[in-house]
Amino acid sequence: MNNLLFSLVEVGAGIYNGLNTALGSVGFLILVNLIGVVAIVIKITETQNKNRNKIIFFAMMGALCWTIYFILHGDFTSTVVNLVGAIQLLIFSQREKHKWANSKFWLFFFLAVQVGLGIIIWRNWFSLVVIIAGMLGTVAYFVMNVKIYRYLFAVLIS
């Protein structure tokens, strides 16, 4: 597992160095911040929806944007949390169609994955904040009661 994570760090560093060289430091910062702005707009759009399928769709798009953003920043704890989030959303999107996806197993599985990977790629105490945010997101998307979902995300952004 550590070799896989080390490889991801190397890939991220390669992407960072390649884009930084190709675009220059100012162009690179503009690109990274533009991706962050797109991710924020997607998150705002997500939280304004009342339709579960639209919420999950925008959440997946946002998680992928944040994954790219954090790769380019070299923050691999946040990268992994968002990547796990995108994968869990694929499972949670199947809850209305398939009985297996509606099992509470997935909630506890993804909570355990968030904690386990968070410990493996721990950088500093800020990693704990990222892990807790990922866990709150997991609970919010699993429960998918719009009122609880909005409350949990209000806690996350404050």
N, C-alpha and C. Protein backbone atom coordinates (compact mmCIF):
# COMPACT_ATOMS: atom_id res chain seq x y z
N MET A 1 0.83 -1.19 0.00
CA MET A 1 0.00 0.00 0.00
C MET A 1 0.87 1.25 0.00
N ASN A 2 1.92 1.24 0.80
CA ASN A 2 2.81 2.40 0.84
C ASN A 2 3.47 2.63 -0.51
N ASN A 3 3.80 1.52 -1.24
CA ASN A 3 4.40 1.68 -2.56
C ASN A 3 3.42 2.35 -3.52
N LEU A 4 2.14 1.97 -3.44
CA LEU A 4 1.13 2.58 -4.28
C LEU A 4 1.00 4.06 -3.97
N LEU A 5 0.93 4.41 -2.70
CA LEU A 5 0.82 5.82 -2.31
C LEU A 5 2.08 6.59 -2.69
N PHE A 6 3.25 5.95 -2.55
CA PHE A 6 4.48 6.60 -2.95
C PHE A 6 4.47 6.85 -4.45
N SER A 7 3.95 5.90 -5.22
CA SER A 7 3.85 6.08 -6.67
C SER A 7 2.90 7.22 -7.00
N LEU A 8 1.79 7.34 -6.27
CA LEU A 8 0.86 8.44 -6.50
C LEU A 8 1.53 9.79 -6.21
N VAL A 9 2.34 9.82 -5.17
CA VAL A 9 3.07 11.05 -4.84
C VAL A 9 4.03 11.39 -5.97
N GLU A 10 4.72 10.39 -6.50
CA GLU A 10 5.64 10.63 -7.62
C GLU A 10 4.89 11.12 -8.86
N VAL A 11 3.76 10.51 -9.16
CA VAL A 11 2.95 10.94 -10.30
C VAL A 11 2.49 12.37 -10.10
N GLY A 12 1.99 12.68 -8.91
CA GLY A 12 1.55 14.05 -8.60
C GLY A 12 2.68 15.05 -8.74
N ALA A 13 3.86 14.68 -8.26
CA ALA A 13 5.02 15.57 -8.38
C ALA A 13 5.41 15.76 -9.84
N GLY A 14 5.30 14.69 -10.62
CA GLY A 14 5.59 14.79 -12.06
C GLY A 14 4.62 15.71 -12.78
N ILE A 15 3.33 15.58 -12.45
CA ILE A 15 2.31 16.45 -13.05
C ILE A 15 2.58 17.90 -12.65
N TYR A 16 2.83 18.11 -11.36
CA TYR A 16 3.11 19.45 -10.85
C TYR A 16 4.29 20.07 -11.58
N ASN A 17 5.41 19.34 -11.64
CA ASN A 17 6.62 19.86 -12.28
C ASN A 17 6.42 20.10 -13.77
N GLY A 18 5.75 19.16 -14.43
CA GLY A 18 5.51 19.30 -15.87
C GLY A 18 4.65 20.51 -16.20
N LEU A 19 3.54 20.67 -15.49
CA LEU A 19 2.67 21.82 -15.75
C LEU A 19 3.31 23.13 -15.33
N ASN A 20 4.04 23.11 -14.23
CA ASN A 20 4.70 24.32 -13.76
C ASN A 20 5.74 24.78 -14.79
N THR A 21 6.45 23.83 -15.36
CA THR A 21 7.45 24.15 -16.39
C THR A 21 6.77 24.64 -17.67
N ALA A 22 5.72 23.93 -18.09
CA ALA A 22 5.06 24.27 -19.35
C ALA A 22 4.33 25.61 -19.29
N LEU A 23 3.68 25.89 -18.18
CA LEU A 23 2.85 27.09 -18.07
C LEU A 23 3.57 28.26 -17.40
N GLY A 24 4.68 27.99 -16.75
CA GLY A 24 5.33 29.01 -15.94
C GLY A 24 4.60 29.09 -14.61
N SER A 25 5.25 29.67 -13.63
CA SER A 25 4.66 29.67 -12.29
C SER A 25 3.36 30.46 -12.22
N VAL A 26 3.25 31.58 -12.95
CA VAL A 26 2.02 32.37 -12.92
C VAL A 26 0.89 31.63 -13.63
N GLY A 27 1.18 31.08 -14.80
CA GLY A 27 0.17 30.32 -15.54
C GLY A 27 -0.31 29.11 -14.75
N PHE A 28 0.63 28.44 -14.07
CA PHE A 28 0.29 27.29 -13.25
C PHE A 28 -0.65 27.69 -12.12
N LEU A 29 -0.33 28.79 -11.43
CA LEU A 29 -1.18 29.26 -10.33
C LEU A 29 -2.57 29.64 -10.83
N ILE A 30 -2.64 30.26 -12.00
CA ILE A 30 -3.94 30.61 -12.57
C ILE A 30 -4.74 29.35 -12.85
N LEU A 31 -4.11 28.34 -13.46
CA LEU A 31 -4.80 27.07 -13.75
C LEU A 31 -5.31 26.41 -12.48
N VAL A 32 -4.45 26.30 -11.48
CA VAL A 32 -4.83 25.63 -10.23
C VAL A 32 -5.99 26.37 -9.57
N ASN A 33 -5.89 27.69 -9.50
CA ASN A 33 -6.96 28.46 -8.86
C ASN A 33 -8.24 28.45 -9.67
N LEU A 34 -8.14 28.37 -10.99
CA LEU A 34 -9.33 28.24 -11.83
C LEU A 34 -10.05 26.91 -11.55
N ILE A 35 -9.27 25.85 -11.40
CA ILE A 35 -9.86 24.55 -11.06
C ILE A 35 -10.55 24.64 -9.70
N GLY A 36 -9.94 25.34 -8.75
CA GLY A 36 -10.54 25.53 -7.43
C GLY A 36 -11.85 26.31 -7.51
N VAL A 37 -11.89 27.35 -8.34
CA VAL A 37 -13.11 28.13 -8.51
C VAL A 37 -14.21 27.28 -9.13
N VAL A 38 -13.86 26.47 -10.14
CA VAL A 38 -14.84 25.57 -10.76
C VAL A 38 -15.38 24.60 -9.71
N ALA A 39 -14.50 24.06 -8.87
CA ALA A 39 -14.93 23.13 -7.82
C ALA A 39 -15.88 23.81 -6.83
N ILE A 40 -15.61 25.06 -6.49
CA ILE A 40 -16.49 25.80 -5.58
C ILE A 40 -17.86 26.03 -6.22
N VAL A 41 -17.88 26.42 -7.48
CA VAL A 41 -19.15 26.65 -8.18
C VAL A 41 -19.95 25.35 -8.25
N ILE A 42 -19.27 24.24 -8.52
CA ILE A 42 -19.95 22.94 -8.55
C ILE A 42 -20.52 22.61 -7.17
N LYS A 43 -19.77 22.88 -6.10
CA LYS A 43 -20.24 22.60 -4.74
C LYS A 43 -21.46 23.45 -4.40
N ILE A 44 -21.44 24.72 -4.80
CA ILE A 44 -22.60 25.59 -4.56
C ILE A 44 -23.81 25.05 -5.31
N THR A 45 -23.60 24.66 -6.56
CA THR A 45 -24.70 24.08 -7.36
C THR A 45 -25.22 22.81 -6.72
N GLU A 46 -24.33 21.98 -6.23
CA GLU A 46 -24.71 20.74 -5.56
C GLU A 46 -25.61 21.01 -4.35
N THR A 47 -25.20 21.94 -3.51
CA THR A 47 -25.95 22.17 -2.27
C THR A 47 -27.28 22.88 -2.51
N GLN A 48 -27.47 23.45 -3.69
CA GLN A 48 -28.74 24.13 -4.00
C GLN A 48 -29.78 23.17 -4.56
N ASN A 49 -29.38 21.97 -4.89
CA ASN A 49 -30.31 20.99 -5.46
C ASN A 49 -31.09 20.26 -4.39
N LYS A 50 -32.29 19.84 -4.75
CA LYS A 50 -33.11 19.03 -3.85
C LYS A 50 -33.25 17.61 -4.38
N ASN A 51 -32.86 17.40 -5.63
CA ASN A 51 -32.95 16.09 -6.27
C ASN A 51 -31.70 15.28 -5.92
N ARG A 52 -31.90 14.10 -5.35
CA ARG A 52 -30.80 13.25 -4.89
C ARG A 52 -29.82 12.92 -6.01
N ASN A 53 -30.34 12.59 -7.20
CA ASN A 53 -29.46 12.22 -8.32
C ASN A 53 -28.60 13.40 -8.78
N LYS A 54 -29.20 14.60 -8.78
CA LYS A 54 -28.42 15.78 -9.16
C LYS A 54 -27.37 16.11 -8.11
N ILE A 55 -27.73 15.94 -6.84
CA ILE A 55 -26.77 16.18 -5.77
C ILE A 55 -25.57 15.25 -5.93
N ILE A 56 -25.83 13.98 -6.17
CA ILE A 56 -24.75 13.01 -6.31
C ILE A 56 -23.92 13.29 -7.57
N PHE A 57 -24.58 13.66 -8.66
CA PHE A 57 -23.85 13.98 -9.89
C PHE A 57 -22.88 15.15 -9.66
N PHE A 58 -23.41 16.24 -9.11
CA PHE A 58 -22.55 17.40 -8.87
C PHE A 58 -21.47 17.11 -7.81
N ALA A 59 -21.81 16.28 -6.84
CA ALA A 59 -20.83 15.90 -5.83
C ALA A 59 -19.67 15.12 -6.46
N MET A 60 -19.98 14.21 -7.39
CA MET A 60 -18.92 13.46 -8.07
C MET A 60 -18.05 14.39 -8.91
N MET A 61 -18.67 15.29 -9.64
CA MET A 61 -17.91 16.24 -10.46
C MET A 61 -17.02 17.12 -9.56
N GLY A 62 -17.58 17.57 -8.45
CA GLY A 62 -16.82 18.38 -7.51
C GLY A 62 -15.66 17.61 -6.91
N ALA A 63 -15.91 16.36 -6.53
CA ALA A 63 -14.84 15.54 -5.93
C ALA A 63 -13.70 15.34 -6.93
N LEU A 64 -14.04 15.16 -8.20
CA LEU A 64 -12.99 14.99 -9.21
C LEU A 64 -12.22 16.30 -9.42
N CYS A 65 -12.91 17.43 -9.42
CA CYS A 65 -12.22 18.73 -9.53
C CYS A 65 -11.30 18.96 -8.33
N TRP A 66 -11.81 18.67 -7.13
CA TRP A 66 -10.98 18.84 -5.93
C TRP A 66 -9.80 17.89 -5.94
N THR A 67 -9.99 16.68 -6.46
CA THR A 67 -8.89 15.72 -6.56
C THR A 67 -7.77 16.30 -7.42
N ILE A 68 -8.13 16.83 -8.59
CA ILE A 68 -7.14 17.44 -9.47
C ILE A 68 -6.48 18.64 -8.79
N TYR A 69 -7.29 19.47 -8.16
CA TYR A 69 -6.79 20.66 -7.46
C TYR A 69 -5.75 20.29 -6.41
N PHE A 70 -6.07 19.29 -5.59
CA PHE A 70 -5.16 18.91 -4.51
C PHE A 70 -3.92 18.17 -5.02
N ILE A 71 -4.05 17.42 -6.11
CA ILE A 71 -2.86 16.81 -6.73
C ILE A 71 -1.90 17.92 -7.13
N LEU A 72 -2.44 18.96 -7.77
CA LEU A 72 -1.59 20.05 -8.24
C LEU A 72 -1.00 20.86 -7.09
N HIS A 73 -1.63 20.82 -5.93
CA HIS A 73 -1.09 21.49 -4.75
C HIS A 73 -0.14 20.60 -3.96
N GLY A 74 -0.11 19.32 -4.30
CA GLY A 74 0.75 18.39 -3.57
C GLY A 74 0.19 17.97 -2.23
N ASP A 75 -1.10 18.16 -2.02
CA ASP A 75 -1.76 17.77 -0.76
C ASP A 75 -2.41 16.41 -0.97
N PHE A 76 -1.67 15.35 -0.65
CA PHE A 76 -2.14 14.01 -0.98
C PHE A 76 -3.12 13.45 0.02
N THR A 77 -3.17 13.99 1.23
CA THR A 77 -4.23 13.58 2.15
C THR A 77 -5.57 14.01 1.58
N SER A 78 -5.67 15.26 1.16
CA SER A 78 -6.92 15.77 0.58
C SER A 78 -7.23 15.08 -0.74
N THR A 79 -6.19 14.78 -1.52
CA THR A 79 -6.39 14.07 -2.79
C THR A 79 -7.06 12.73 -2.55
N VAL A 80 -6.52 11.97 -1.60
CA VAL A 80 -7.04 10.63 -1.33
C VAL A 80 -8.46 10.71 -0.76
N VAL A 81 -8.71 11.64 0.14
CA VAL A 81 -10.05 11.79 0.71
C VAL A 81 -11.06 12.09 -0.40
N ASN A 82 -10.72 12.96 -1.33
CA ASN A 82 -11.64 13.30 -2.43
C ASN A 82 -11.78 12.16 -3.42
N LEU A 83 -10.72 11.42 -3.67
CA LEU A 83 -10.80 10.27 -4.56
C LEU A 83 -11.69 9.19 -3.96
N VAL A 84 -11.52 8.93 -2.68
CA VAL A 84 -12.40 7.98 -1.98
C VAL A 84 -13.83 8.49 -2.03
N GLY A 85 -14.01 9.80 -1.87
CA GLY A 85 -15.34 10.39 -1.95
C GLY A 85 -16.00 10.15 -3.29
N ALA A 86 -15.24 10.31 -4.38
CA ALA A 86 -15.79 10.07 -5.72
C ALA A 86 -16.19 8.61 -5.89
N ILE A 87 -15.36 7.70 -5.38
CA ILE A 87 -15.67 6.27 -5.49
C ILE A 87 -16.91 5.92 -4.66
N GLN A 88 -17.00 6.47 -3.45
CA GLN A 88 -18.17 6.17 -2.62
C GLN A 88 -19.43 6.71 -3.26
N LEU A 89 -19.33 7.85 -3.93
CA LEU A 89 -20.50 8.41 -4.60
C LEU A 89 -20.98 7.51 -5.74
N LEU A 90 -20.06 6.83 -6.41
CA LEU A 90 -20.46 5.85 -7.43
C LEU A 90 -21.31 4.75 -6.80
N ILE A 91 -20.89 4.28 -5.63
CA ILE A 91 -21.66 3.24 -4.92
C ILE A 91 -23.00 3.81 -4.44
N PHE A 92 -22.95 4.98 -3.79
CA PHE A 92 -24.17 5.57 -3.23
C PHE A 92 -25.17 5.95 -4.32
N SER A 93 -24.70 6.22 -5.53
CA SER A 93 -25.62 6.57 -6.62
C SER A 93 -26.47 5.38 -7.04
N GLN A 94 -26.06 4.18 -6.64
CA GLN A 94 -26.79 2.96 -6.99
C GLN A 94 -27.80 2.53 -5.93
N ARG A 95 -27.95 3.31 -4.87
CA ARG A 95 -28.79 2.90 -3.75
C ARG A 95 -30.26 2.70 -4.13
N GLU A 96 -30.76 3.50 -5.05
CA GLU A 96 -32.17 3.36 -5.45
C GLU A 96 -32.39 2.21 -6.43
N LYS A 97 -31.32 1.80 -7.10
CA LYS A 97 -31.43 0.77 -8.14
C LYS A 97 -31.10 -0.63 -7.65
N HIS A 98 -30.14 -0.71 -6.71
CA HIS A 98 -29.64 -2.02 -6.30
C HIS A 98 -29.64 -2.14 -4.77
N LYS A 99 -30.15 -3.28 -4.31
CA LYS A 99 -30.25 -3.51 -2.87
C LYS A 99 -28.87 -3.57 -2.21
N TRP A 100 -27.89 -4.15 -2.89
CA TRP A 100 -26.54 -4.27 -2.32
C TRP A 100 -25.94 -2.91 -1.99
N ALA A 101 -26.26 -1.89 -2.79
CA ALA A 101 -25.70 -0.56 -2.59
C ALA A 101 -26.37 0.17 -1.42
N ASN A 102 -27.50 -0.35 -0.95
CA ASN A 102 -28.24 0.29 0.12
C ASN A 102 -27.84 -0.23 1.51
N SER A 103 -26.86 -1.13 1.53
CA SER A 103 -26.43 -1.72 2.79
C SER A 103 -25.61 -0.72 3.61
N LYS A 104 -25.80 -0.75 4.94
CA LYS A 104 -25.00 0.10 5.83
C LYS A 104 -23.53 -0.31 5.84
N PHE A 105 -23.26 -1.49 5.30
CA PHE A 105 -21.88 -1.93 5.15
C PHE A 105 -21.05 -0.85 4.46
N TRP A 106 -21.62 -0.25 3.40
CA TRP A 106 -20.87 0.75 2.63
C TRP A 106 -20.54 1.98 3.45
N LEU A 107 -21.44 2.38 4.31
CA LEU A 107 -21.18 3.53 5.18
C LEU A 107 -19.96 3.25 6.05
N PHE A 108 -19.97 2.12 6.75
CA PHE A 108 -18.87 1.79 7.65
C PHE A 108 -17.59 1.46 6.89
N PHE A 109 -17.74 0.85 5.72
CA PHE A 109 -16.58 0.55 4.89
C PHE A 109 -15.85 1.84 4.49
N PHE A 110 -16.60 2.82 3.97
CA PHE A 110 -15.97 4.05 3.52
C PHE A 110 -15.46 4.90 4.69
N LEU A 111 -16.13 4.84 5.83
CA LEU A 111 -15.59 5.52 7.01
C LEU A 111 -14.25 4.91 7.41
N ALA A 112 -14.18 3.58 7.39
CA ALA A 112 -12.94 2.89 7.74
C ALA A 112 -11.84 3.18 6.71
N VAL A 113 -12.20 3.23 5.46
CA VAL A 113 -11.22 3.54 4.41
C VAL A 113 -10.68 4.95 4.61
N GLN A 114 -11.58 5.92 4.90
CA GLN A 114 -11.14 7.30 5.12
C GLN A 114 -10.13 7.36 6.28
N VAL A 115 -10.44 6.69 7.38
CA VAL A 115 -9.55 6.70 8.54
C VAL A 115 -8.24 5.97 8.22
N GLY A 116 -8.36 4.78 7.65
CA GLY A 116 -7.17 3.97 7.36
C GLY A 116 -6.21 4.68 6.42
N LEU A 117 -6.72 5.18 5.31
CA LEU A 117 -5.85 5.88 4.37
C LEU A 117 -5.34 7.19 4.96
N GLY A 118 -6.17 7.83 5.76
CA GLY A 118 -5.73 9.07 6.41
C GLY A 118 -4.54 8.83 7.33
N ILE A 119 -4.55 7.72 8.03
CA ILE A 119 -3.43 7.38 8.91
C ILE A 119 -2.17 7.06 8.09
N ILE A 120 -2.36 6.32 7.01
CA ILE A 120 -1.22 5.93 6.17
C ILE A 120 -0.54 7.15 5.55
N ILE A 121 -1.31 8.12 5.10
CA ILE A 121 -0.71 9.27 4.40
C ILE A 121 -0.67 10.52 5.27
N TRP A 122 -0.73 10.34 6.57
CA TRP A 122 -0.69 11.44 7.54
C TRP A 122 0.52 12.34 7.30
N ARG A 123 0.28 13.66 7.25
CA ARG A 123 1.38 14.61 7.11
C ARG A 123 1.55 15.46 8.36
N ASN A 124 0.44 15.95 8.90
CA ASN A 124 0.48 16.79 10.09
C ASN A 124 -0.92 16.80 10.70
N TRP A 125 -1.13 17.62 11.72
CA TRP A 125 -2.43 17.64 12.40
C TRP A 125 -3.55 18.14 11.51
N PHE A 126 -3.23 18.90 10.48
CA PHE A 126 -4.27 19.33 9.56
C PHE A 126 -4.90 18.14 8.84
N SER A 127 -4.14 17.07 8.69
CA SER A 127 -4.67 15.85 8.07
C SER A 127 -5.90 15.35 8.82
N LEU A 128 -5.92 15.54 10.15
CA LEU A 128 -7.06 15.12 10.95
C LEU A 128 -8.33 15.88 10.53
N VAL A 129 -8.19 17.16 10.27
CA VAL A 129 -9.33 17.97 9.81
C VAL A 129 -9.85 17.42 8.48
N VAL A 130 -8.94 17.09 7.58
CA VAL A 130 -9.33 16.56 6.27
C VAL A 130 -10.05 15.22 6.42
N ILE A 131 -9.53 14.37 7.30
CA ILE A 131 -10.15 13.05 7.52
C ILE A 131 -11.55 13.21 8.11
N ILE A 132 -11.70 14.08 9.09
CA ILE A 132 -13.02 14.30 9.70
C ILE A 132 -14.00 14.87 8.67
N ALA A 133 -13.53 15.79 7.84
CA ALA A 133 -14.39 16.35 6.79
C ALA A 133 -14.83 15.25 5.82
N GLY A 134 -13.91 14.37 5.46
CA GLY A 134 -14.26 13.26 4.58
C GLY A 134 -15.28 12.33 5.22
N MET A 135 -15.14 12.09 6.51
CA MET A 135 -16.08 11.23 7.21
C MET A 135 -17.47 11.88 7.29
N LEU A 136 -17.53 13.18 7.58
CA LEU A 136 -18.82 13.88 7.60
C LEU A 136 -19.49 13.84 6.23
N GLY A 137 -18.69 14.01 5.18
CA GLY A 137 -19.21 13.92 3.82
C GLY A 137 -19.77 12.54 3.52
N THR A 138 -19.07 11.51 3.98
CA THR A 138 -19.54 10.14 3.78
C THR A 138 -20.90 9.94 4.43
N VAL A 139 -21.04 10.40 5.67
CA VAL A 139 -22.31 10.26 6.38
C VAL A 139 -23.41 11.05 5.66
N ALA A 140 -23.09 12.27 5.24
CA ALA A 140 -24.09 13.12 4.58
C ALA A 140 -24.59 12.49 3.29
N TYR A 141 -23.68 11.96 2.48
CA TYR A 141 -24.10 11.36 1.21
C TYR A 141 -24.81 10.04 1.42
N PHE A 142 -24.45 9.30 2.46
CA PHE A 142 -25.13 8.03 2.70
C PHE A 142 -26.55 8.26 3.19
N VAL A 143 -26.72 9.17 4.15
CA VAL A 143 -28.04 9.44 4.71
C VAL A 143 -28.94 10.06 3.64
N MET A 144 -28.43 11.01 2.92
CA MET A 144 -29.08 11.72 1.83
C MET A 144 -30.49 12.21 2.17
N ASN A 145 -30.66 12.60 3.41
CA ASN A 145 -31.82 13.38 3.80
C ASN A 145 -31.38 14.82 3.57
N VAL A 146 -32.08 15.54 2.71
CA VAL A 146 -31.63 16.86 2.28
C VAL A 146 -31.38 17.79 3.45
N LYS A 147 -32.21 17.74 4.48
CA LYS A 147 -32.03 18.61 5.65
C LYS A 147 -30.74 18.25 6.41
N ILE A 148 -30.52 16.97 6.66
CA ILE A 148 -29.31 16.53 7.35
C ILE A 148 -28.09 16.80 6.48
N TYR A 149 -28.22 16.53 5.19
CA TYR A 149 -27.13 16.76 4.23
C TYR A 149 -26.69 18.23 4.27
N ARG A 150 -27.62 19.14 4.21
CA ARG A 150 -27.28 20.58 4.24
C ARG A 150 -26.69 20.98 5.59
N TYR A 151 -27.19 20.42 6.66
CA TYR A 151 -26.65 20.74 7.99
C TYR A 151 -25.19 20.28 8.09
N LEU A 152 -24.91 19.05 7.65
CA LEU A 152 -23.54 18.53 7.73
C LEU A 152 -22.60 19.36 6.87
N PHE A 153 -23.06 19.78 5.70
CA PHE A 153 -22.18 20.58 4.85
C PHE A 153 -22.03 22.00 5.35
N ALA A 154 -23.02 22.50 6.08
CA ALA A 154 -22.86 23.81 6.72
C ALA A 154 -21.77 23.71 7.78
N VAL A 155 -21.72 22.59 8.50
CA VAL A 155 -20.67 22.38 9.49
C VAL A 155 -19.31 22.27 8.79
N LEU A 156 -19.26 21.59 7.66
CA LEU A 156 -18.00 21.40 6.95
C LEU A 156 -17.41 22.73 6.45
N ILE A 157 -18.25 23.65 5.99
CA ILE A 157 -17.70 24.88 5.40
C ILE A 157 -17.50 25.97 6.42
N SER A 158 -17.96 25.78 7.66
CA SER A 158 -17.78 26.85 8.65
C SER A 158 -16.49 26.69 9.42
